Amino acid sequence: MVDAFVMVKTGAGRSESVVAEIRDLEGVSEAHVVAGDYDIMAEITAEEVYDVLQTASSAIQDLDGVTGTRTYIALD
């Protein structure tokens, strides 16, 4: 199993609607609106790194209101 954390930036006032959509994506185990440089933090669990990248780069980045992402793969 591969665990990853995806930090998401959204447009102004879009965090609540975007986090709701992210929570519904396959592989997303948790997603929260957070304070700081990013607006949302999502945890993804998948069988392979490729599956994490599909969720992060295709599914999340394609959501309306997402302006940027950064993905961190857990090493432990």
Protein backbone atom coordinates (compact mmCIF):
# COMPACT_ATOMS: atom_id res chain seq x y z
CA MET A 1 0.00 0.00 0.00
CA VAL A 2 1.06 3.56 -0.70
CA ASP A 3 0.02 6.50 1.45
CA ALA A 4 0.27 10.06 0.21
CA PHE A 5 -0.76 13.53 1.27
CA VAL A 6 -2.00 16.03 -1.29
CA MET A 7 -1.96 19.70 -0.44
CA VAL A 8 -4.52 21.65 -2.47
CA LYS A 9 -4.87 25.35 -3.24
CA THR A 10 -8.31 26.61 -4.20
CA GLY A 11 -9.82 29.80 -5.50
CA ALA A 12 -11.23 32.26 -2.97
CA GLY A 13 -14.29 30.90 -1.20
CA ARG A 14 -14.07 27.47 -2.87
CA SER A 15 -12.50 25.34 -0.11
CA GLU A 16 -15.72 23.91 1.35
CA SER A 17 -17.18 22.82 -1.98
CA VAL A 18 -13.87 21.42 -3.24
CA VAL A 19 -13.18 19.43 -0.04
CA ALA A 20 -16.61 17.82 -0.35
CA GLU A 21 -15.79 16.68 -3.90
CA ILE A 22 -12.34 15.43 -2.88
CA ARG A 23 -13.84 13.33 -0.07
CA ASP A 24 -15.94 11.49 -2.68
CA LEU A 25 -12.96 10.48 -4.84
CA GLU A 26 -11.80 6.87 -4.89
CA GLY A 27 -8.72 6.34 -2.73
CA VAL A 28 -9.20 9.45 -0.60
CA SER A 29 -9.31 8.32 3.04
CA GLU A 30 -9.53 11.81 4.58
CA ALA A 31 -9.69 15.43 3.46
CA HIS A 32 -9.76 18.58 5.58
CA VAL A 33 -9.83 22.33 5.09
CA VAL A 34 -6.66 23.65 6.76
CA ALA A 35 -5.02 26.97 7.58
CA GLY A 36 -1.66 27.84 6.06
CA ASP A 37 -0.11 27.97 2.60
CA TYR A 38 -2.63 25.45 1.27
CA ASP A 39 -6.40 25.30 1.68
CA ILE A 40 -7.03 21.54 1.81
CA MET A 41 -5.03 18.50 2.92
CA ALA A 42 -6.12 15.12 1.57
CA GLU A 43 -4.79 11.66 2.42
CA ILE A 44 -4.78 9.07 -0.35
CA THR A 45 -4.27 5.34 0.12
CA ALA A 46 -3.72 3.19 -2.95
CA GLU A 47 -2.14 -0.06 -4.12
CA GLU A 48 0.52 1.58 -6.31
CA VAL A 49 2.20 4.96 -6.68
CA TYR A 50 0.61 5.22 -10.13
CA ASP A 51 -2.85 5.07 -8.52
CA VAL A 52 -1.92 7.90 -6.14
CA LEU A 53 -0.71 10.00 -9.04
CA GLN A 54 -3.89 9.33 -11.01
CA THR A 55 -6.01 10.58 -8.11
CA ALA A 56 -3.76 13.56 -7.38
CA SER A 57 -2.93 14.72 -10.89
CA SER A 58 -6.04 13.73 -12.78
CA ALA A 59 -8.97 13.65 -10.39
CA ILE A 60 -8.08 16.40 -7.91
CA GLN A 61 -6.41 18.82 -10.32
CA ASP A 62 -9.36 18.58 -12.69
CA LEU A 63 -11.88 19.72 -10.06
CA ASP A 64 -13.38 23.15 -10.64
CA GLY A 65 -11.90 25.58 -8.12
CA VAL A 66 -8.51 23.84 -7.70
CA THR A 67 -5.64 26.17 -8.58
CA GLY A 68 -2.69 23.98 -7.59
CA THR A 69 -1.56 20.86 -5.76
CA ARG A 70 1.53 19.39 -4.17
CA THR A 71 1.81 15.66 -3.48
CA TYR A 72 3.92 14.04 -0.77
CA ILE A 73 4.43 10.24 -0.80
CA ALA A 74 4.86 8.72 2.68
CA LEU A 75 8.08 6.71 3.02
CA ASP A 76 7.26 4.76 6.19
